[in-house]
Amino acid sequence: MDLTPGRQRLVFVVIVIALVGLTSFLIENRHSGGTPAAAPSPSASTPAPAGTLASGVPPASVPAVTPAATASGAEIYQWLPFSAADLSAAAQTTLTFAKDYSTWSYTESATAYAAKLSPLVTPHELAILTSGYSTAGVAGPRVQDKQVSTGSGTIDSISSFGAGPVITFVITVTQQVTSTQPATTPPPQQYAVTVVSSGGTWQVNDLEQPLVGNT
């Protein structure tokens, strides 16, 4: 049955609110050491911008997502272009990419850096990241100052999603950098990472450089 525009907007809002409740439950359950069983019912007093999902998934392993249901008992994933398993896999790929992207050493060649990222990113994005890593203005100081970075990432939110499926996460990357020069560790940076699914495998298709106004 076709839905009127008004009903379509209502369904979308219900989906987003339910996802917010599901994600909050998973985070609280992980922090308390419990095992996720069922998502809490979404609260009508918890507004969420359309198309935006608050997250804050920790940088460790992503817990399996339990299918969430609306108050009427319908699974919200029937209205989304991805399944619960897709969302969990996409988040895990994003966190692994954040770690490998921000972890490097002055002894690591551009070829080795590219090989590390290759399973996680599309060929087009891999070429862009490899080029940035080997740029003289970046590679020169890295080698000269013997820089070594250990990085990690956390997911702050989902900024958008669509058919494909494709999901864009907003993440915060934190690095610890050692060097022959003092005070080289950069502040945490926020990025928008878009992941796409192809043949059941999620890969990063786009990385937006540090978002303006964030540290």
N, C-alpha and C. Protein backbone atom coordinates (compact mmCIF):
# COMPACT_ATOMS: atom_id res chain seq x y z
N MET A 1 0.84 -1.19 0.00
CA MET A 1 0.00 0.00 0.00
C MET A 1 0.88 1.24 0.00
N ASP A 2 0.59 2.17 -0.90
CA ASP A 2 1.38 3.40 -0.97
C ASP A 2 1.07 4.29 0.21
N LEU A 3 2.12 4.89 0.78
CA LEU A 3 1.96 5.81 1.90
C LEU A 3 1.92 7.24 1.41
N THR A 4 1.10 8.04 2.08
CA THR A 4 1.07 9.46 1.76
C THR A 4 2.38 10.09 2.21
N PRO A 5 2.76 11.26 1.66
CA PRO A 5 4.01 11.92 2.09
C PRO A 5 4.07 12.12 3.60
N GLY A 6 2.92 12.45 4.19
CA GLY A 6 2.91 12.65 5.63
C GLY A 6 3.22 11.38 6.39
N ARG A 7 2.65 10.25 5.95
CA ARG A 7 2.91 8.98 6.61
C ARG A 7 4.36 8.53 6.37
N GLN A 8 4.90 8.81 5.18
CA GLN A 8 6.29 8.46 4.90
C GLN A 8 7.23 9.18 5.85
N ARG A 9 6.97 10.47 6.08
CA ARG A 9 7.81 11.23 7.01
C ARG A 9 7.70 10.67 8.42
N LEU A 10 6.48 10.28 8.82
CA LEU A 10 6.27 9.73 10.15
C LEU A 10 7.03 8.42 10.31
N VAL A 11 6.97 7.56 9.30
CA VAL A 11 7.68 6.27 9.36
C VAL A 11 9.18 6.50 9.48
N PHE A 12 9.72 7.48 8.71
CA PHE A 12 11.16 7.75 8.75
C PHE A 12 11.59 8.23 10.12
N VAL A 13 10.78 9.11 10.73
CA VAL A 13 11.10 9.62 12.06
C VAL A 13 11.09 8.48 13.07
N VAL A 14 10.11 7.58 12.97
CA VAL A 14 10.04 6.43 13.88
C VAL A 14 11.27 5.56 13.72
N ILE A 15 11.72 5.35 12.46
CA ILE A 15 12.91 4.54 12.21
C ILE A 15 14.13 5.15 12.89
N VAL A 16 14.34 6.43 12.69
CA VAL A 16 15.52 7.10 13.24
C VAL A 16 15.50 7.08 14.76
N ILE A 17 14.33 7.35 15.36
CA ILE A 17 14.23 7.34 16.82
C ILE A 17 14.51 5.95 17.36
N ALA A 18 13.99 4.93 16.68
CA ALA A 18 14.24 3.56 17.12
C ALA A 18 15.71 3.20 17.02
N LEU A 19 16.39 3.65 15.97
CA LEU A 19 17.82 3.39 15.82
C LEU A 19 18.62 4.08 16.93
N VAL A 20 18.21 5.29 17.29
CA VAL A 20 18.89 5.99 18.38
C VAL A 20 18.76 5.19 19.67
N GLY A 21 17.54 4.70 19.95
CA GLY A 21 17.34 3.89 21.15
C GLY A 21 18.14 2.62 21.12
N LEU A 22 18.20 1.96 19.95
CA LEU A 22 18.97 0.73 19.80
C LEU A 22 20.44 0.96 20.06
N THR A 23 21.00 2.01 19.47
CA THR A 23 22.43 2.27 19.61
C THR A 23 22.78 2.62 21.05
N SER A 24 21.94 3.43 21.69
CA SER A 24 22.18 3.79 23.09
C SER A 24 22.17 2.56 23.98
N PHE A 25 21.24 1.64 23.70
CA PHE A 25 21.16 0.41 24.47
C PHE A 25 22.43 -0.43 24.32
N LEU A 26 22.92 -0.55 23.08
CA LEU A 26 24.11 -1.34 22.82
C LEU A 26 25.33 -0.77 23.53
N ILE A 27 25.46 0.57 23.50
CA ILE A 27 26.60 1.22 24.15
C ILE A 27 26.55 1.01 25.66
N GLU A 28 25.36 1.24 26.27
CA GLU A 28 25.24 1.06 27.71
C GLU A 28 25.47 -0.39 28.10
N ASN A 29 24.96 -1.31 27.28
CA ASN A 29 25.12 -2.73 27.57
C ASN A 29 26.57 -3.14 27.50
N ARG A 30 27.33 -2.58 26.53
CA ARG A 30 28.75 -2.91 26.39
C ARG A 30 29.53 -2.39 27.58
N HIS A 31 29.21 -1.15 28.01
CA HIS A 31 29.94 -0.57 29.14
C HIS A 31 29.67 -1.34 30.43
N SER A 32 28.47 -1.93 30.56
CA SER A 32 28.14 -2.66 31.78
C SER A 32 28.56 -4.11 31.71
N GLY A 33 29.11 -4.54 30.54
CA GLY A 33 29.60 -5.90 30.40
C GLY A 33 28.51 -6.90 30.09
N GLY A 34 27.28 -6.45 29.80
CA GLY A 34 26.18 -7.36 29.52
C GLY A 34 26.16 -7.76 28.07
N THR A 35 25.23 -8.66 27.73
CA THR A 35 25.05 -9.12 26.37
C THR A 35 23.76 -8.56 25.84
N PRO A 36 23.80 -7.84 24.68
CA PRO A 36 22.58 -7.23 24.16
C PRO A 36 21.54 -8.29 23.85
N ALA A 37 20.29 -8.04 24.32
CA ALA A 37 19.23 -9.00 24.07
C ALA A 37 18.15 -8.40 23.20
N ALA A 38 17.60 -7.27 23.63
CA ALA A 38 16.56 -6.64 22.81
C ALA A 38 16.66 -5.15 23.01
N ALA A 39 16.41 -4.40 21.95
CA ALA A 39 16.52 -2.95 22.02
C ALA A 39 15.36 -2.37 22.78
N PRO A 40 15.57 -1.28 23.56
CA PRO A 40 14.48 -0.64 24.29
C PRO A 40 13.54 0.05 23.32
N SER A 41 12.31 0.23 23.78
CA SER A 41 11.34 0.92 22.95
C SER A 41 11.75 2.37 22.81
N PRO A 42 11.66 2.96 21.63
CA PRO A 42 12.05 4.36 21.44
C PRO A 42 11.14 5.29 22.19
N SER A 43 11.69 6.35 22.72
CA SER A 43 10.91 7.32 23.48
C SER A 43 10.47 8.45 22.58
N ALA A 44 9.20 8.80 22.70
CA ALA A 44 8.67 9.88 21.86
C ALA A 44 9.27 11.20 22.26
N SER A 45 9.89 11.26 23.47
CA SER A 45 10.49 12.52 23.93
C SER A 45 11.93 12.65 23.52
N THR A 46 12.44 11.71 22.70
CA THR A 46 13.83 11.75 22.25
C THR A 46 13.87 12.13 20.79
N PRO A 47 13.90 13.42 20.45
CA PRO A 47 13.90 13.82 19.04
C PRO A 47 15.23 13.54 18.39
N ALA A 48 15.22 13.29 17.10
CA ALA A 48 16.45 13.09 16.34
C ALA A 48 16.27 13.70 14.97
N PRO A 49 17.25 14.45 14.46
CA PRO A 49 17.15 15.03 13.13
C PRO A 49 16.97 13.92 12.11
N ALA A 50 16.12 14.16 11.13
CA ALA A 50 15.88 13.14 10.09
C ALA A 50 17.17 12.80 9.38
N GLY A 51 17.46 11.50 9.25
CA GLY A 51 18.64 11.04 8.53
C GLY A 51 19.90 11.05 9.37
N THR A 52 19.78 11.35 10.68
CA THR A 52 20.97 11.40 11.53
C THR A 52 20.81 10.42 12.67
N LEU A 53 21.84 9.64 12.93
CA LEU A 53 21.81 8.64 13.99
C LEU A 53 22.95 8.87 14.95
N ALA A 54 22.63 9.21 16.21
CA ALA A 54 23.68 9.37 17.21
C ALA A 54 24.27 8.00 17.49
N SER A 55 25.59 7.94 17.67
CA SER A 55 26.19 6.62 17.85
C SER A 55 27.15 6.61 19.01
N GLY A 56 28.46 6.96 18.76
CA GLY A 56 29.45 6.88 19.82
C GLY A 56 29.93 5.47 20.04
N VAL A 57 29.99 4.64 18.98
CA VAL A 57 30.45 3.27 19.11
C VAL A 57 31.92 3.27 19.53
N PRO A 58 32.30 2.50 20.55
CA PRO A 58 33.69 2.50 21.03
C PRO A 58 34.62 1.89 20.01
N PRO A 59 35.95 2.18 20.10
CA PRO A 59 36.90 1.73 19.10
C PRO A 59 37.20 0.25 19.16
N ALA A 60 36.73 -0.46 20.18
CA ALA A 60 36.98 -1.89 20.27
C ALA A 60 36.01 -2.62 19.35
N SER A 61 35.79 -3.90 19.59
CA SER A 61 34.93 -4.68 18.72
C SER A 61 33.50 -4.15 18.76
N VAL A 62 32.84 -4.17 17.61
CA VAL A 62 31.47 -3.70 17.51
C VAL A 62 30.54 -4.84 17.85
N PRO A 63 29.62 -4.68 18.83
CA PRO A 63 28.73 -5.78 19.18
C PRO A 63 27.73 -6.06 18.09
N ALA A 64 27.28 -7.29 18.02
CA ALA A 64 26.27 -7.65 17.04
C ALA A 64 25.00 -6.86 17.31
N VAL A 65 24.39 -6.37 16.24
CA VAL A 65 23.20 -5.54 16.39
C VAL A 65 21.96 -6.42 16.41
N THR A 66 21.16 -6.29 17.46
CA THR A 66 19.92 -7.05 17.56
C THR A 66 18.82 -6.30 16.81
N PRO A 67 18.07 -6.97 15.93
CA PRO A 67 17.00 -6.29 15.19
C PRO A 67 16.08 -5.56 16.14
N ALA A 68 15.89 -4.26 15.88
CA ALA A 68 15.04 -3.44 16.76
C ALA A 68 13.64 -3.37 16.20
N ALA A 69 12.68 -3.20 17.09
CA ALA A 69 11.28 -3.14 16.66
C ALA A 69 10.66 -1.85 17.13
N THR A 70 9.70 -1.36 16.37
CA THR A 70 8.95 -0.18 16.76
C THR A 70 7.90 -0.59 17.77
N ALA A 71 7.15 0.39 18.26
CA ALA A 71 6.13 0.09 19.26
C ALA A 71 5.08 -0.87 18.72
N SER A 72 4.87 -0.86 17.42
CA SER A 72 3.86 -1.73 16.82
C SER A 72 4.40 -3.14 16.58
N GLY A 73 5.70 -3.38 16.85
CA GLY A 73 6.27 -4.70 16.71
C GLY A 73 6.93 -4.95 15.38
N ALA A 74 6.95 -3.99 14.47
CA ALA A 74 7.55 -4.18 13.14
C ALA A 74 9.05 -3.90 13.22
N GLU A 75 9.89 -4.73 12.60
CA GLU A 75 11.33 -4.50 12.58
C GLU A 75 11.65 -3.27 11.74
N ILE A 76 12.41 -2.34 12.31
CA ILE A 76 12.70 -1.10 11.61
C ILE A 76 13.57 -1.33 10.39
N TYR A 77 14.35 -2.44 10.36
CA TYR A 77 15.26 -2.65 9.24
C TYR A 77 14.55 -2.96 7.94
N GLN A 78 13.24 -3.28 8.00
CA GLN A 78 12.51 -3.51 6.76
C GLN A 78 12.34 -2.21 5.98
N TRP A 79 12.57 -1.08 6.64
CA TRP A 79 12.45 0.21 5.97
C TRP A 79 13.81 0.83 5.64
N LEU A 80 14.88 0.11 5.95
CA LEU A 80 16.23 0.62 5.72
C LEU A 80 16.91 -0.14 4.60
N PRO A 81 17.88 0.49 3.91
CA PRO A 81 18.58 -0.18 2.81
C PRO A 81 19.69 -1.12 3.28
N PHE A 82 19.76 -1.39 4.60
CA PHE A 82 20.76 -2.31 5.13
C PHE A 82 20.16 -3.07 6.31
N SER A 83 20.76 -4.22 6.61
CA SER A 83 20.29 -5.04 7.72
C SER A 83 21.07 -4.72 8.99
N ALA A 84 20.66 -5.35 10.09
CA ALA A 84 21.39 -5.17 11.35
C ALA A 84 22.82 -5.65 11.22
N ALA A 85 23.00 -6.78 10.53
CA ALA A 85 24.35 -7.31 10.31
C ALA A 85 25.18 -6.37 9.45
N ASP A 86 24.54 -5.75 8.45
CA ASP A 86 25.23 -4.78 7.60
C ASP A 86 25.75 -3.61 8.43
N LEU A 87 24.90 -3.09 9.30
CA LEU A 87 25.28 -1.94 10.11
C LEU A 87 26.48 -2.27 11.00
N SER A 88 26.44 -3.45 11.61
CA SER A 88 27.55 -3.87 12.47
C SER A 88 28.84 -4.03 11.66
N ALA A 89 28.74 -4.65 10.47
CA ALA A 89 29.93 -4.85 9.63
C ALA A 89 30.48 -3.53 9.11
N ALA A 90 29.58 -2.61 8.73
CA ALA A 90 30.01 -1.31 8.24
C ALA A 90 30.74 -0.53 9.33
N ALA A 91 30.22 -0.59 10.55
CA ALA A 91 30.86 0.10 11.67
C ALA A 91 32.23 -0.50 11.97
N GLN A 92 32.34 -1.83 11.92
CA GLN A 92 33.63 -2.47 12.19
C GLN A 92 34.67 -2.10 11.14
N THR A 93 34.24 -2.08 9.86
CA THR A 93 35.16 -1.67 8.79
C THR A 93 35.64 -0.24 9.01
N THR A 94 34.72 0.63 9.41
CA THR A 94 35.06 2.03 9.64
C THR A 94 36.09 2.18 10.76
N LEU A 95 35.90 1.45 11.85
CA LEU A 95 36.82 1.54 12.99
C LEU A 95 38.19 0.95 12.65
N THR A 96 38.20 -0.17 11.91
CA THR A 96 39.47 -0.76 11.50
C THR A 96 40.22 0.19 10.57
N PHE A 97 39.49 0.81 9.65
CA PHE A 97 40.11 1.78 8.74
C PHE A 97 40.69 2.95 9.53
N ALA A 98 39.94 3.47 10.49
CA ALA A 98 40.42 4.62 11.28
C ALA A 98 41.73 4.28 11.97
N LYS A 99 41.82 3.08 12.50
CA LYS A 99 43.04 2.66 13.19
C LYS A 99 44.21 2.54 12.21
N ASP A 100 43.99 1.82 11.09
CA ASP A 100 45.08 1.60 10.14
C ASP A 100 45.48 2.88 9.40
N TYR A 101 44.51 3.74 9.12
CA TYR A 101 44.80 5.01 8.45
C TYR A 101 45.70 5.90 9.29
N SER A 102 45.49 5.90 10.60
CA SER A 102 46.22 6.81 11.49
C SER A 102 47.41 6.15 12.19
N THR A 103 47.68 4.90 11.86
CA THR A 103 48.83 4.20 12.44
C THR A 103 49.88 3.98 11.35
N TRP A 104 51.05 4.55 11.52
CA TRP A 104 52.10 4.48 10.50
C TRP A 104 53.46 4.77 11.14
N SER A 105 54.50 4.53 10.37
CA SER A 105 55.86 4.76 10.85
C SER A 105 56.71 5.34 9.73
N TYR A 106 57.72 6.08 10.12
CA TYR A 106 58.64 6.65 9.13
C TYR A 106 59.36 5.56 8.34
N THR A 107 59.38 4.34 8.88
CA THR A 107 60.01 3.22 8.17
C THR A 107 59.04 2.54 7.20
N GLU A 108 57.78 2.93 7.20
CA GLU A 108 56.76 2.29 6.37
C GLU A 108 56.67 3.00 5.02
N SER A 109 56.94 2.29 3.96
CA SER A 109 56.89 2.87 2.62
C SER A 109 55.44 3.09 2.18
N ALA A 110 55.27 3.89 1.13
CA ALA A 110 53.94 4.12 0.58
C ALA A 110 53.31 2.82 0.10
N THR A 111 54.13 1.94 -0.44
CA THR A 111 53.63 0.64 -0.92
C THR A 111 53.10 -0.20 0.23
N ALA A 112 53.84 -0.23 1.33
CA ALA A 112 53.42 -1.00 2.51
C ALA A 112 52.16 -0.39 3.13
N TYR A 113 52.10 0.93 3.16
CA TYR A 113 50.92 1.63 3.70
C TYR A 113 49.69 1.31 2.86
N ALA A 114 49.86 1.32 1.54
CA ALA A 114 48.75 1.01 0.63
C ALA A 114 48.29 -0.43 0.79
N ALA A 115 49.24 -1.36 0.95
CA ALA A 115 48.89 -2.77 1.11
C ALA A 115 48.07 -2.99 2.38
N LYS A 116 48.38 -2.23 3.41
CA LYS A 116 47.64 -2.35 4.68
C LYS A 116 46.19 -1.89 4.52
N LEU A 117 45.99 -0.82 3.76
CA LEU A 117 44.65 -0.25 3.60
C LEU A 117 43.85 -0.91 2.49
N SER A 118 44.51 -1.61 1.59
CA SER A 118 43.86 -2.14 0.39
C SER A 118 42.59 -2.94 0.65
N PRO A 119 42.54 -3.83 1.65
CA PRO A 119 41.30 -4.59 1.86
C PRO A 119 40.14 -3.74 2.39
N LEU A 120 40.46 -2.55 2.89
CA LEU A 120 39.46 -1.73 3.57
C LEU A 120 38.89 -0.62 2.72
N VAL A 121 39.53 -0.29 1.59
CA VAL A 121 39.10 0.85 0.79
C VAL A 121 38.94 0.46 -0.67
N THR A 122 38.17 1.27 -1.40
CA THR A 122 37.99 1.03 -2.83
C THR A 122 39.28 1.44 -3.56
N PRO A 123 39.51 0.91 -4.76
CA PRO A 123 40.72 1.26 -5.50
C PRO A 123 40.88 2.77 -5.72
N HIS A 124 39.79 3.44 -6.00
CA HIS A 124 39.87 4.90 -6.22
C HIS A 124 40.34 5.62 -4.97
N GLU A 125 39.75 5.28 -3.83
CA GLU A 125 40.13 5.95 -2.58
C GLU A 125 41.54 5.55 -2.16
N LEU A 126 41.94 4.31 -2.45
CA LEU A 126 43.29 3.87 -2.11
C LEU A 126 44.34 4.71 -2.82
N ALA A 127 44.10 5.03 -4.09
CA ALA A 127 45.04 5.86 -4.84
C ALA A 127 45.17 7.24 -4.22
N ILE A 128 44.06 7.80 -3.75
CA ILE A 128 44.09 9.13 -3.13
C ILE A 128 44.86 9.10 -1.81
N LEU A 129 44.60 8.09 -0.99
CA LEU A 129 45.26 8.00 0.31
C LEU A 129 46.76 7.73 0.16
N THR A 130 47.12 6.88 -0.81
CA THR A 130 48.54 6.59 -1.03
C THR A 130 49.28 7.82 -1.51
N SER A 131 48.64 8.58 -2.39
CA SER A 131 49.25 9.81 -2.89
C SER A 131 49.48 10.80 -1.75
N GLY A 132 48.50 10.92 -0.86
CA GLY A 132 48.65 11.83 0.27
C GLY A 132 49.75 11.39 1.21
N TYR A 133 49.88 10.09 1.41
CA TYR A 133 50.91 9.57 2.31
C TYR A 133 52.32 9.81 1.77
N SER A 134 52.46 9.75 0.43
CA SER A 134 53.79 9.87 -0.17
C SER A 134 54.12 11.29 -0.63
N THR A 135 53.20 12.25 -0.41
CA THR A 135 53.47 13.65 -0.77
C THR A 135 54.72 14.14 -0.05
N ALA A 136 55.59 14.84 -0.78
CA ALA A 136 56.88 15.27 -0.23
C ALA A 136 56.72 16.07 1.07
N GLY A 137 55.73 16.96 1.11
CA GLY A 137 55.54 17.79 2.28
C GLY A 137 55.12 17.02 3.52
N VAL A 138 54.60 15.80 3.31
CA VAL A 138 54.21 14.94 4.43
C VAL A 138 55.28 13.89 4.71
N ALA A 139 55.75 13.24 3.66
CA ALA A 139 56.72 12.16 3.81
C ALA A 139 58.08 12.68 4.29
N GLY A 140 58.46 13.87 3.82
CA GLY A 140 59.77 14.42 4.19
C GLY A 140 59.93 14.59 5.69
N PRO A 141 59.05 15.38 6.35
CA PRO A 141 59.16 15.55 7.80
C PRO A 141 58.97 14.24 8.56
N ARG A 142 58.13 13.34 8.03
CA ARG A 142 57.90 12.07 8.71
C ARG A 142 59.19 11.28 8.82
N VAL A 143 59.97 11.24 7.73
CA VAL A 143 61.23 10.50 7.74
C VAL A 143 62.31 11.27 8.49
N GLN A 144 62.39 12.56 8.23
CA GLN A 144 63.43 13.39 8.85
C GLN A 144 63.33 13.38 10.37
N ASP A 145 62.09 13.47 10.88
CA ASP A 145 61.88 13.53 12.33
C ASP A 145 61.61 12.16 12.95
N LYS A 146 61.69 11.11 12.12
CA LYS A 146 61.47 9.74 12.59
C LYS A 146 60.15 9.61 13.34
N GLN A 147 59.09 10.05 12.69
CA GLN A 147 57.77 10.04 13.30
C GLN A 147 57.14 8.66 13.27
N VAL A 148 56.49 8.30 14.36
CA VAL A 148 55.74 7.04 14.47
C VAL A 148 54.39 7.38 15.10
N SER A 149 53.32 6.98 14.44
CA SER A 149 51.98 7.30 14.93
C SER A 149 51.22 6.02 15.27
N THR A 150 50.55 6.05 16.41
CA THR A 150 49.63 4.99 16.80
C THR A 150 48.25 5.62 16.94
N GLY A 151 47.33 5.20 16.09
CA GLY A 151 46.02 5.85 16.07
C GLY A 151 44.87 4.92 16.38
N SER A 152 43.73 5.52 16.65
CA SER A 152 42.49 4.79 16.89
C SER A 152 41.33 5.71 16.54
N GLY A 153 40.15 5.14 16.42
CA GLY A 153 38.99 5.94 16.07
C GLY A 153 37.76 5.55 16.86
N THR A 154 36.84 6.50 16.99
CA THR A 154 35.53 6.23 17.58
C THR A 154 34.47 6.79 16.64
N ILE A 155 33.33 6.14 16.60
CA ILE A 155 32.22 6.61 15.77
C ILE A 155 31.36 7.54 16.60
N ASP A 156 31.15 8.75 16.08
CA ASP A 156 30.34 9.74 16.79
C ASP A 156 28.88 9.69 16.37
N SER A 157 28.64 9.48 15.08
CA SER A 157 27.27 9.49 14.57
C SER A 157 27.22 8.95 13.16
N ILE A 158 26.03 8.72 12.67
CA ILE A 158 25.78 8.45 11.26
C ILE A 158 25.17 9.71 10.67
N SER A 159 25.83 10.29 9.69
CA SER A 159 25.32 11.53 9.13
C SER A 159 24.34 11.30 8.00
N SER A 160 24.46 10.15 7.30
CA SER A 160 23.53 9.85 6.22
C SER A 160 23.65 8.39 5.83
N PHE A 161 22.64 7.91 5.12
CA PHE A 161 22.68 6.56 4.58
C PHE A 161 21.75 6.50 3.37
N GLY A 162 21.96 5.49 2.53
CA GLY A 162 21.14 5.40 1.34
C GLY A 162 21.26 4.04 0.69
N ALA A 163 20.62 3.92 -0.47
CA ALA A 163 20.63 2.66 -1.20
C ALA A 163 22.03 2.34 -1.68
N GLY A 164 22.29 1.06 -1.85
CA GLY A 164 23.60 0.60 -2.29
C GLY A 164 24.02 -0.70 -1.63
N PRO A 165 23.97 -0.79 -0.26
CA PRO A 165 23.77 0.36 0.63
C PRO A 165 25.04 1.17 0.84
N VAL A 166 24.86 2.38 1.30
CA VAL A 166 25.97 3.27 1.60
C VAL A 166 25.67 3.99 2.91
N ILE A 167 26.67 4.10 3.79
CA ILE A 167 26.51 4.76 5.08
C ILE A 167 27.68 5.71 5.29
N THR A 168 27.38 6.91 5.77
CA THR A 168 28.43 7.88 6.11
C THR A 168 28.48 8.05 7.62
N PHE A 169 29.63 7.69 8.20
CA PHE A 169 29.86 7.84 9.63
C PHE A 169 30.67 9.10 9.90
N VAL A 170 30.40 9.77 10.99
CA VAL A 170 31.28 10.82 11.49
C VAL A 170 32.11 10.20 12.60
N ILE A 171 33.43 10.26 12.44
CA ILE A 171 34.33 9.61 13.39
C ILE A 171 35.32 10.62 13.97
N THR A 172 35.86 10.29 15.12
CA THR A 172 36.95 11.06 15.71
C THR A 172 38.19 10.18 15.77
N VAL A 173 39.27 10.66 15.19
CA VAL A 173 40.53 9.92 15.16
C VAL A 173 41.51 10.56 16.14
N THR A 174 42.10 9.73 16.99
CA THR A 174 43.09 10.18 17.97
C THR A 174 44.43 9.51 17.67
N GLN A 175 45.49 10.29 17.68
CA GLN A 175 46.83 9.77 17.40
C GLN A 175 47.80 10.08 18.53
N GLN A 176 48.71 9.14 18.76
CA GLN A 176 49.84 9.37 19.64
C GLN A 176 51.10 9.28 18.77
N VAL A 177 51.81 10.38 18.64
CA VAL A 177 52.94 10.46 17.72
C VAL A 177 54.23 10.66 18.50
N THR A 178 55.20 9.79 18.24
CA THR A 178 56.54 9.97 18.79
C THR A 178 57.45 10.49 17.69
N SER A 179 58.44 11.28 18.07
CA SER A 179 59.28 11.94 17.08
C SER A 179 60.56 12.42 17.75
N THR A 180 61.52 12.76 16.94
CA THR A 180 62.73 13.38 17.47
C THR A 180 62.48 14.84 17.83
N GLN A 181 61.33 15.36 17.40
CA GLN A 181 60.94 16.72 17.72
C GLN A 181 59.84 16.70 18.78
N PRO A 182 59.81 17.68 19.69
CA PRO A 182 58.79 17.69 20.75
C PRO A 182 57.43 18.16 20.23
N ALA A 183 56.40 17.81 20.99
CA ALA A 183 55.04 18.31 20.77
C ALA A 183 54.56 18.10 19.33
N THR A 184 54.65 16.88 18.86
CA THR A 184 54.21 16.59 17.49
C THR A 184 52.85 15.89 17.44
N THR A 185 52.34 15.48 18.60
CA THR A 185 51.06 14.77 18.60
C THR A 185 49.91 15.72 18.28
N PRO A 186 49.15 15.44 17.22
CA PRO A 186 48.05 16.34 16.83
C PRO A 186 46.84 16.15 17.73
N PRO A 187 45.96 17.14 17.80
CA PRO A 187 44.73 16.98 18.58
C PRO A 187 43.79 16.02 17.86
N PRO A 188 42.79 15.48 18.54
CA PRO A 188 41.81 14.61 17.87
C PRO A 188 41.17 15.33 16.69
N GLN A 189 40.95 14.60 15.61
CA GLN A 189 40.36 15.18 14.42
C GLN A 189 39.09 14.41 14.04
N GLN A 190 38.10 15.14 13.54
CA GLN A 190 36.84 14.53 13.14
C GLN A 190 36.78 14.44 11.62
N TYR A 191 36.36 13.27 11.13
CA TYR A 191 36.26 13.01 9.70
C TYR A 191 34.88 12.46 9.37
N ALA A 192 34.50 12.60 8.12
CA ALA A 192 33.31 11.92 7.59
C ALA A 192 33.81 10.78 6.71
N VAL A 193 33.44 9.56 7.05
CA VAL A 193 33.89 8.37 6.33
C VAL A 193 32.67 7.69 5.69
N THR A 194 32.70 7.56 4.38
CA THR A 194 31.60 6.91 3.66
C THR A 194 32.02 5.50 3.28
N VAL A 195 31.20 4.52 3.68
CA VAL A 195 31.48 3.13 3.35
C VAL A 195 30.37 2.59 2.45
N VAL A 196 30.74 1.75 1.51
CA VAL A 196 29.79 1.15 0.58
C VAL A 196 29.91 -0.37 0.66
N SER A 197 28.82 -1.04 0.33
CA SER A 197 28.81 -2.50 0.35
C SER A 197 28.83 -3.03 -1.08
N SER A 198 29.72 -3.98 -1.32
CA SER A 198 29.82 -4.62 -2.63
C SER A 198 30.09 -6.10 -2.42
N GLY A 199 29.12 -6.93 -2.82
CA GLY A 199 29.30 -8.36 -2.64
C GLY A 199 29.39 -8.79 -1.20
N GLY A 200 28.74 -8.05 -0.31
CA GLY A 200 28.75 -8.40 1.10
C GLY A 200 29.94 -7.87 1.87
N THR A 201 30.85 -7.17 1.20
CA THR A 201 32.03 -6.60 1.85
C THR A 201 31.93 -5.08 1.88
N TRP A 202 32.21 -4.49 3.03
CA TRP A 202 32.16 -3.04 3.17
C TRP A 202 33.55 -2.45 2.96
N GLN A 203 33.62 -1.36 2.21
CA GLN A 203 34.88 -0.67 1.98
C GLN A 203 34.66 0.84 2.06
N VAL A 204 35.71 1.54 2.46
CA VAL A 204 35.66 3.00 2.51
C VAL A 204 35.76 3.55 1.09
N ASN A 205 34.79 4.38 0.73
CA ASN A 205 34.75 4.95 -0.61
C ASN A 205 35.12 6.42 -0.63
N ASP A 206 35.08 7.05 0.56
CA ASP A 206 35.39 8.47 0.62
C ASP A 206 35.78 8.85 2.04
N LEU A 207 36.82 9.68 2.15
CA LEU A 207 37.27 10.21 3.43
C LEU A 207 37.35 11.71 3.31
N GLU A 208 36.47 12.40 4.03
CA GLU A 208 36.52 13.86 4.06
C GLU A 208 37.52 14.27 5.12
N GLN A 209 38.41 15.15 4.74
CA GLN A 209 39.46 15.62 5.66
C GLN A 209 38.85 16.31 6.87
N PRO A 210 39.65 16.56 7.92
CA PRO A 210 39.10 17.07 9.18
C PRO A 210 38.01 18.11 8.99
N LEU A 211 36.87 17.87 9.63
CA LEU A 211 35.72 18.74 9.49
C LEU A 211 36.02 20.10 10.10
N VAL A 212 35.64 21.15 9.40
CA VAL A 212 35.92 22.52 9.84
C VAL A 212 35.22 22.79 11.16
N GLY A 213 35.96 23.38 12.08
CA GLY A 213 35.37 23.75 13.35
C GLY A 213 35.48 22.69 14.42
N ASN A 214 36.11 21.54 14.11
CA ASN A 214 36.26 20.47 15.10
C ASN A 214 37.73 20.24 15.39
N THR A 215 38.00 19.82 16.63
CA THR A 215 39.36 19.50 17.02
C THR A 215 39.39 18.14 17.65
